[in-house]
Amino acid sequence: MPRFSANLSMLFTEHEFLDRFGAAARAGFKAVEYIGPYDHPPEVVAARLSNNGLTQALFNLPAGDWANGERGIAVLPDRIDEFRKGVDTAIAYARALGCPQVNCLAGIAPQGLAYAELEDLFVHNLGYAARRLEDAGIRLLIEAINTRDIPGFFLTGSDQALRIIDRVGSQNVWFQYDIYHMQVMEGDLARTIEENLGRIAHIQLADNPGRHEPGTGEINYPFLYEHLDRIGYTGWVGAEYKPKAGTEAGLGWFRQMNNKAGSAAA
């Protein structure tokens, strides 16, 4: 059975952020992830992880002014210094939290600049981040996101992401594959994951349409769970979805998977 990580930016939002760690642990999750931990001192977040027996699976590099709609700054020409400072900040948090990988959100493409210019900037920033993170023993990931949820987002597909990774030319840049985003943009989920398994360091899920719990939409998640086991994926699968009616009420899929795992172990 895949190992599931609770995304605390979307799940357990009935609680204040720091209280979501305990809620996730009580629900049976062994790992957590989220947009970023930067609103709280690293030692405070680390204590919540330790006290609840949780692993930090992933978080993002600082992504700009999230509350005002920014979704990453890696393709913004006037934010290179801020991006580099963000890499240093992420390294400090990752070390404190024992987090082995961080994700870089490319951002929304600014108006008036050619695609080639933005890709060159993205590759340049990723090269810098990959070197700094590699020196710290931390993987760098990039994620493609659908343009329906985030219009204008720069990185939108698997082929594009893998080509950019190739351009960076570092062994420390990996693909974060979000099943929901890629179902919207391109489909062909099982084949894409299998063919690129060696380059995928993290997977996230939600169903489509609606970005709700697995089992609420068109994606055949029971098949995909078995597929991930069959092809040998051993990383975390982040539960990054919008609960339809509260987190606890929507965890039937997770409890079913845990029960199935318990039965198999017995």
Protein backbone atom coordinates (compact mmCIF):
# COMPACT_ATOMS: atom_id res chain seq x y z
CA MET A 1 0.00 0.00 0.00
CA PRO A 2 1.30 3.50 -0.74
CA ARG A 3 2.42 5.63 2.19
CA PHE A 4 0.21 8.69 2.59
CA SER A 5 1.23 12.12 3.83
CA ALA A 6 -1.38 14.62 5.04
CA ASN A 7 -1.14 18.02 3.41
CA LEU A 8 -1.83 20.37 6.32
CA SER A 9 -2.49 23.35 4.06
CA MET A 10 -5.67 21.62 2.89
CA LEU A 11 -6.52 18.98 5.49
CA PHE A 12 -7.49 19.54 9.12
CA THR A 13 -8.04 23.24 8.52
CA GLU A 14 -10.72 23.07 11.22
CA HIS A 15 -7.69 23.52 13.53
CA GLU A 16 -5.01 26.17 13.78
CA PHE A 17 -1.92 25.21 11.78
CA LEU A 18 0.21 23.92 14.65
CA ASP A 19 -2.69 21.86 15.98
CA ARG A 20 -3.09 20.11 12.63
CA PHE A 21 -0.03 17.94 13.35
CA GLY A 22 -1.77 16.25 16.25
CA ALA A 23 -5.00 15.89 14.28
CA ALA A 24 -3.15 14.21 11.42
CA ALA A 25 -1.38 11.81 13.78
CA ARG A 26 -4.63 10.90 15.55
CA ALA A 27 -6.19 10.15 12.15
CA GLY A 28 -3.40 7.68 11.41
CA PHE A 29 -1.06 9.66 9.14
CA LYS A 30 2.66 9.08 9.61
CA ALA A 31 3.88 12.06 7.58
CA VAL A 32 2.84 15.61 6.76
CA GLU A 33 3.52 18.25 4.13
CA TYR A 34 2.27 21.77 3.46
CA ILE A 35 2.91 24.92 1.43
CA GLY A 36 5.54 26.15 3.86
CA PRO A 37 6.44 26.32 7.57
CA TYR A 38 7.78 29.85 7.46
CA ASP A 39 5.17 31.53 9.67
CA HIS A 40 6.52 29.65 12.69
CA PRO A 41 10.03 29.22 14.13
CA PRO A 42 11.66 25.98 12.93
CA GLU A 43 12.09 24.64 16.46
CA VAL A 44 8.37 25.04 17.14
CA VAL A 45 7.41 23.10 14.01
CA ALA A 46 10.06 20.48 14.75
CA ALA A 47 8.57 19.96 18.22
CA ARG A 48 5.12 19.33 16.72
CA LEU A 49 6.59 16.73 14.39
CA SER A 50 8.51 15.01 17.17
CA ASN A 51 5.71 15.10 19.73
CA ASN A 52 3.32 13.47 17.27
CA GLY A 53 5.73 10.92 15.77
CA LEU A 54 5.46 12.46 12.31
CA THR A 55 7.86 12.60 9.37
CA GLN A 56 8.20 15.81 7.37
CA ALA A 57 7.70 14.62 3.79
CA LEU A 58 7.87 17.88 1.86
CA PHE A 59 7.34 21.62 1.81
CA ASN A 60 7.87 24.35 -0.78
CA LEU A 61 10.56 26.95 -1.19
CA PRO A 62 9.23 30.39 -0.19
CA ALA A 63 6.70 31.17 -2.91
CA GLY A 64 6.21 34.92 -2.65
CA ASP A 65 3.08 36.67 -1.43
CA TRP A 66 0.70 33.71 -1.31
CA ALA A 67 -2.19 35.62 0.25
CA ASN A 68 -2.16 38.05 -2.68
CA GLY A 69 -2.05 35.40 -5.37
CA GLU A 70 1.63 34.72 -5.98
CA ARG A 71 2.39 31.05 -6.58
CA GLY A 72 6.16 31.00 -6.79
CA ILE A 73 8.82 33.47 -7.88
CA ALA A 74 11.27 31.32 -9.87
CA VAL A 75 10.21 32.84 -13.23
CA LEU A 76 10.07 36.45 -12.03
CA PRO A 77 13.10 38.36 -13.37
CA ASP A 78 13.09 40.99 -10.62
CA ARG A 79 13.01 38.46 -7.76
CA ILE A 80 16.28 36.53 -8.21
CA ASP A 81 17.82 37.78 -4.98
CA GLU A 82 14.64 36.97 -3.09
CA PHE A 83 14.62 33.50 -4.63
CA ARG A 84 18.18 32.85 -3.50
CA LYS A 85 17.48 34.05 0.03
CA GLY A 86 14.47 31.74 0.02
CA VAL A 87 16.70 28.78 -0.81
CA ASP A 88 18.80 29.55 2.27
CA THR A 89 15.67 29.85 4.41
CA ALA A 90 14.31 26.54 3.12
CA ILE A 91 17.61 24.80 3.88
CA ALA A 92 17.54 26.03 7.47
CA TYR A 93 13.98 24.75 7.94
CA ALA A 94 14.60 21.47 6.15
CA ARG A 95 17.57 20.74 8.41
CA ALA A 96 15.56 21.56 11.52
CA LEU A 97 12.61 19.43 10.41
CA GLY A 98 14.59 16.52 8.99
CA CYS A 99 12.94 17.11 5.63
CA PRO A 100 14.78 15.41 2.73
CA GLN A 101 13.22 17.39 -0.13
CA VAL A 102 11.67 20.74 -1.03
CA ASN A 103 9.51 21.73 -3.97
CA CYS A 104 10.02 24.79 -6.15
CA LEU A 105 6.86 26.38 -7.54
CA ALA A 106 7.73 28.10 -10.80
CA GLY A 107 5.14 30.84 -10.47
CA ILE A 108 2.72 32.62 -12.76
CA ALA A 109 4.39 33.82 -15.96
CA PRO A 110 4.72 37.61 -16.03
CA GLN A 111 3.16 39.45 -18.96
CA GLY A 112 5.23 40.69 -21.84
CA LEU A 113 8.12 38.22 -21.68
CA ALA A 114 8.80 35.44 -24.18
CA TYR A 115 8.51 31.84 -23.07
CA ALA A 116 12.16 31.13 -23.91
CA GLU A 117 13.32 33.97 -21.68
CA LEU A 118 11.25 32.69 -18.76
CA GLU A 119 12.46 29.13 -19.22
CA ASP A 120 16.08 30.32 -19.26
CA LEU A 121 15.48 32.17 -15.98
CA PHE A 122 13.76 29.17 -14.43
CA VAL A 123 16.63 26.89 -15.44
CA HIS A 124 19.13 29.39 -14.04
CA ASN A 125 17.32 29.61 -10.69
CA LEU A 126 16.90 25.84 -10.48
CA GLY A 127 20.59 25.34 -11.15
CA TYR A 128 21.47 27.62 -8.24
CA ALA A 129 18.95 25.96 -5.92
CA ALA A 130 19.98 22.44 -6.93
CA ARG A 131 23.62 23.12 -6.06
CA ARG A 132 22.87 24.74 -2.71
CA LEU A 133 20.38 22.04 -1.73
CA GLU A 134 22.66 19.22 -2.86
CA ASP A 135 25.42 20.57 -0.63
CA ALA A 136 22.90 20.37 2.24
CA GLY A 137 21.77 16.84 1.33
CA ILE A 138 18.29 17.96 0.26
CA ARG A 139 16.50 17.10 -3.01
CA LEU A 140 14.98 19.81 -5.20
CA LEU A 141 11.63 19.07 -6.85
CA ILE A 142 9.54 20.92 -9.43
CA GLU A 143 5.79 20.54 -9.96
CA ALA A 144 3.54 21.02 -12.97
CA ILE A 145 0.17 22.61 -12.16
CA ASN A 146 -3.00 22.89 -14.22
CA THR A 147 -3.97 26.23 -15.74
CA ARG A 148 -7.61 25.94 -14.75
CA ASP A 149 -6.85 26.25 -11.05
CA ILE A 150 -3.92 28.65 -11.52
CA PRO A 151 -4.30 30.51 -14.84
CA GLY A 152 -0.98 31.53 -16.31
CA PHE A 153 1.15 29.14 -14.25
CA PHE A 154 4.42 28.60 -16.08
CA LEU A 155 5.01 24.86 -15.60
CA THR A 156 2.01 22.90 -16.79
CA GLY A 157 2.95 19.42 -18.06
CA SER A 158 5.12 16.36 -17.55
CA ASP A 159 7.10 16.66 -20.77
CA GLN A 160 7.83 20.31 -20.09
CA ALA A 161 8.98 19.55 -16.54
CA LEU A 162 11.25 16.72 -17.62
CA ARG A 163 12.76 18.78 -20.43
CA ILE A 164 13.53 21.59 -17.99
CA ILE A 165 15.09 19.12 -15.55
CA ASP A 166 17.30 17.90 -18.40
CA ARG A 167 18.31 21.47 -19.20
CA VAL A 168 19.35 22.14 -15.61
CA GLY A 169 21.75 19.22 -15.92
CA SER A 170 21.83 18.37 -12.22
CA GLN A 171 21.26 14.99 -10.61
CA ASN A 172 19.52 16.86 -7.79
CA VAL A 173 16.39 18.03 -9.62
CA TRP A 174 13.36 15.73 -9.47
CA PHE A 175 9.74 15.74 -10.62
CA GLN A 176 6.88 16.05 -8.18
CA TYR A 177 3.95 14.37 -9.94
CA ASP A 178 0.52 15.64 -8.90
CA ILE A 179 -2.11 13.18 -10.12
CA TYR A 180 -4.94 15.72 -9.99
CA HIS A 181 -3.12 18.46 -11.91
CA MET A 182 -1.91 16.04 -14.55
CA GLN A 183 -5.34 14.44 -14.96
CA VAL A 184 -6.66 17.91 -15.83
CA MET A 185 -3.81 18.74 -18.20
CA GLU A 186 -2.90 15.48 -19.92
CA GLY A 187 -4.31 12.27 -18.42
CA ASP A 188 -2.42 9.04 -19.16
CA LEU A 189 -1.53 8.86 -15.48
CA ALA A 190 -0.37 5.28 -14.97
CA ARG A 191 1.87 5.16 -18.04
CA THR A 192 3.46 8.54 -17.32
CA ILE A 193 4.27 7.61 -13.73
CA GLU A 194 5.69 4.23 -14.72
CA GLU A 195 7.82 5.55 -17.57
CA ASN A 196 9.30 8.30 -15.38
CA LEU A 197 9.40 6.49 -12.05
CA GLY A 198 13.14 7.00 -11.65
CA ARG A 199 12.70 10.77 -11.89
CA ILE A 200 9.67 11.15 -9.62
CA ALA A 201 10.50 11.88 -5.97
CA HIS A 202 7.01 12.67 -4.66
CA ILE A 203 3.40 12.14 -5.72
CA GLN A 204 0.29 14.05 -4.69
CA LEU A 205 -3.37 13.22 -5.16
CA ALA A 206 -6.89 14.59 -5.33
CA ASP A 207 -9.85 13.53 -7.42
CA ASN A 208 -11.28 15.30 -10.46
CA PRO A 209 -13.50 17.26 -10.86
CA GLY A 210 -13.55 19.33 -7.69
CA ARG A 211 -10.15 18.44 -6.22
CA HIS A 212 -11.86 16.47 -3.47
CA GLU A 213 -11.13 13.13 -1.78
CA PRO A 214 -10.16 10.03 -3.74
CA GLY A 215 -13.35 8.24 -4.75
CA THR A 216 -15.39 11.39 -5.38
CA GLY A 217 -14.57 11.74 -9.07
CA GLU A 218 -13.39 10.10 -12.25
CA ILE A 219 -9.90 8.89 -11.27
CA ASN A 220 -9.61 5.16 -10.62
CA TYR A 221 -7.60 5.39 -7.42
CA PRO A 222 -7.82 1.71 -6.39
CA PHE A 223 -6.14 0.87 -9.69
CA LEU A 224 -3.49 3.58 -9.22
CA TYR A 225 -2.66 2.44 -5.67
CA GLU A 226 -2.06 -1.10 -6.93
CA HIS A 227 -0.14 0.29 -9.89
CA LEU A 228 2.20 2.24 -7.61
CA ASP A 229 2.87 -0.89 -5.59
CA ARG A 230 3.44 -2.97 -8.72
CA ILE A 231 5.96 -0.60 -10.27
CA GLY A 232 7.82 -0.18 -6.98
CA TYR A 233 7.10 3.43 -5.99
CA THR A 234 8.28 3.82 -2.39
CA GLY A 235 7.96 7.57 -1.79
CA TRP A 236 5.18 9.39 -0.01
CA VAL A 237 1.83 10.15 -1.65
CA GLY A 238 0.59 13.51 -0.44
CA ALA A 239 -3.13 13.84 0.27
CA GLU A 240 -3.53 17.36 -1.14
CA TYR A 241 -7.24 17.79 -1.66
CA LYS A 242 -10.19 19.94 -0.57
CA PRO A 243 -12.44 17.93 1.78
CA LYS A 244 -16.05 18.04 0.64
CA ALA A 245 -17.51 18.08 4.15
CA GLY A 246 -14.71 18.36 6.69
CA THR A 247 -11.47 16.45 6.89
CA GLU A 248 -12.55 13.69 9.27
CA ALA A 249 -15.78 13.05 7.39
CA GLY A 250 -13.84 12.55 4.18
CA LEU A 251 -11.19 10.13 5.43
CA GLY A 252 -13.09 6.96 4.57
CA TRP A 253 -10.71 6.27 1.67
CA PHE A 254 -7.72 6.51 4.03
CA ARG A 255 -9.25 4.32 6.72
CA GLN A 256 -10.12 1.72 4.10
CA MET A 257 -6.54 1.67 2.87
CA ASN A 258 -5.21 1.36 6.43
CA ASN A 259 -7.62 -1.51 7.14
CA LYS A 260 -6.55 -3.26 3.97
CA ALA A 261 -2.89 -2.84 4.93
CA GLY A 262 -3.60 -4.22 8.41
CA SER A 263 -5.38 -7.24 6.99
CA ALA A 264 -2.52 -7.92 4.59
CA ALA A 265 0.03 -7.70 7.41
CA ALA A 266 -1.97 -10.12 9.54
